[in-house]
C-alpha atoms as a PDB file:
ATOM      1  CA  MET A   1      -0.019   0.003   0.023  1.00  0.00           C
ATOM      2  CA  GLN A   2       1.311   3.422  -0.918  1.00  0.00           C
ATOM      3  CA  SER A   3       1.485   6.410   1.472  1.00  0.00           C
ATOM      4  CA  MET A   4      -0.483   9.428   0.704  1.00  0.00           C
ATOM      5  CA  SER A   5       2.534  11.400  -0.271  1.00  0.00           C
ATOM      6  CA  GLU A   6       3.511   8.791  -2.758  1.00  0.00           C
ATOM      7  CA  LEU A   7       0.042   8.836  -4.232  1.00  0.00           C
ATOM      8  CA  MET A   8      -0.021  12.615  -4.550  1.00  0.00           C
ATOM      9  CA  LYS A   9       3.426  12.483  -6.177  1.00  0.00           C
ATOM     10  CA  GLU A  10       2.260   9.849  -8.606  1.00  0.00           C
ATOM     11  CA  LEU A  11      -0.780  11.947  -9.448  1.00  0.00           C
ATOM     12  CA  GLY A  12       1.485  14.880 -10.182  1.00  0.00           C
ATOM     13  CA  PHE A  13       0.328  17.048  -7.276  1.00  0.00           C
ATOM     14  CA  ASN A  14       2.525  20.148  -6.541  1.00  0.00           C
ATOM     15  CA  LYS A  15       4.207  19.944  -3.090  1.00  0.00           C
ATOM     16  CA  GLU A  16       4.444  23.732  -3.149  1.00  0.00           C
ATOM     17  CA  ALA A  17       0.665  24.044  -3.260  1.00  0.00           C
ATOM     18  CA  SER A  18      -1.161  25.830  -0.425  1.00  0.00           C
ATOM     19  CA  PHE A  19      -2.594  23.886   2.490  1.00  0.00           C
ATOM     20  CA  GLU A  20      -6.113  24.616   1.222  1.00  0.00           C
ATOM     21  CA  ALA A  21      -5.368  23.244  -2.261  1.00  0.00           C
ATOM     22  CA  LYS A  22      -3.951  20.087  -0.785  1.00  0.00           C
ATOM     23  CA  LYS A  23      -6.985  19.770   1.550  1.00  0.00           C
ATOM     24  CA  ALA A  24      -9.372  20.183  -1.381  1.00  0.00           C
ATOM     25  CA  PHE A  25      -7.498  17.694  -3.482  1.00  0.00           C
ATOM     26  CA  LEU A  26      -7.625  15.056  -0.744  1.00  0.00           C
ATOM     27  CA  LYS A  27     -11.205  15.784  -0.087  1.00  0.00           C
ATOM     28  CA  TYR A  28     -12.041  15.253  -3.763  1.00  0.00           C
ATOM     29  CA  LEU A  29     -10.075  12.032  -3.807  1.00  0.00           C
ATOM     30  CA  PHE A  30     -11.890  10.654  -0.724  1.00  0.00           C
ATOM     31  CA  LYS A  31     -15.279  11.641  -2.190  1.00  0.00           C
ATOM     32  CA  GLN A  32     -14.484   9.857  -5.545  1.00  0.00           C
ATOM     33  CA  ALA A  33     -13.353   6.736  -3.737  1.00  0.00           C
ATOM     34  CA  ASP A  34     -16.566   6.729  -1.661  1.00  0.00           C
ATOM     35  CA  ILE A  35     -18.727   7.098  -4.784  1.00  0.00           C
ATOM     36  CA  LYS A  36     -16.864   4.269  -6.479  1.00  0.00           C
ATOM     37  CA  GLN A  37     -17.295   2.044  -3.435  1.00  0.00           C
ATOM     38  CA  LYS A  38     -21.031   2.794  -3.300  1.00  0.00           C
ATOM     39  CA  GLU A  39     -21.332   1.908  -7.061  1.00  0.00           C
ATOM     40  CA  ARG A  40     -19.471  -1.273  -6.454  1.00  0.00           C
ATOM     41  CA  SER A  41     -21.666  -2.367  -3.520  1.00  0.00           C
ATOM     42  CA  LEU A  42     -24.778  -1.555  -5.514  1.00  0.00           C
ATOM     43  CA  SER A  43     -23.655  -3.644  -8.435  1.00  0.00           C
ATOM     44  CA  LEU A  44     -22.851  -6.512  -5.997  1.00  0.00           C
ATOM     45  CA  ASP A  45     -26.286  -6.325  -4.378  1.00  0.00           C
ATOM     46  CA  LYS A  46     -28.141  -6.856  -7.641  1.00  0.00           C
ATOM     47  CA  LYS A  47     -29.018 -10.440  -8.155  1.00  0.00           C
ATOM     48  CA  PRO A  48     -29.045 -11.716 -11.747  1.00  0.00           C
ATOM     49  CA  GLN A  49     -32.534 -12.243 -12.970  1.00  0.00           C
ATOM     50  CA  GLU A  50     -33.544 -15.661 -14.122  1.00  0.00           C
ATOM     51  CA  PRO A  51     -34.093 -15.856 -17.836  1.00  0.00           C
ATOM     52  CA  VAL A  52     -37.723 -16.087 -18.995  1.00  0.00           C
ATOM     53  CA  GLN A  53     -38.630 -18.640 -21.645  1.00  0.00           C
ATOM     54  CA  LEU A  54     -40.835 -17.009 -24.286  1.00  0.00           C
ATOM     55  CA  SER A  55     -43.051 -18.913 -26.535  1.00  0.00           C
ATOM     56  CA  LEU A  56     -44.422 -17.854 -29.909  1.00  0.00           C
ATOM     57  CA  PHE A  57     -47.708 -19.709 -29.250  1.00  0.00           C
ATOM     58  CA  ASP A  58     -48.586 -17.961 -25.989  1.00  0.00           C
ATOM     59  CA  GLN A  59     -49.428 -14.682 -27.648  1.00  0.00           C
ATOM     60  CA  GLU A  60     -52.924 -14.053 -29.023  1.00  0.00           C
ATOM     61  CA  CYS A  61     -53.262 -12.936 -32.604  1.00  0.00           C
ATOM     62  CA  ALA A  62     -55.037  -9.601 -33.014  1.00  0.00           C
END
């Protein structure tokens, strides 16, 4: 697992940036990670639906 400073360096973040810029950047990263986690958990919660066998002869002709 990488440290936060390694991740920020890898993402090209400027070390000379202000504290507020660093704070906003990290807040954005955490928010995006949370969104991705929620999407992942929602997709895992969905159960695949059983296929339904259709028949040509079940439909009434109009």
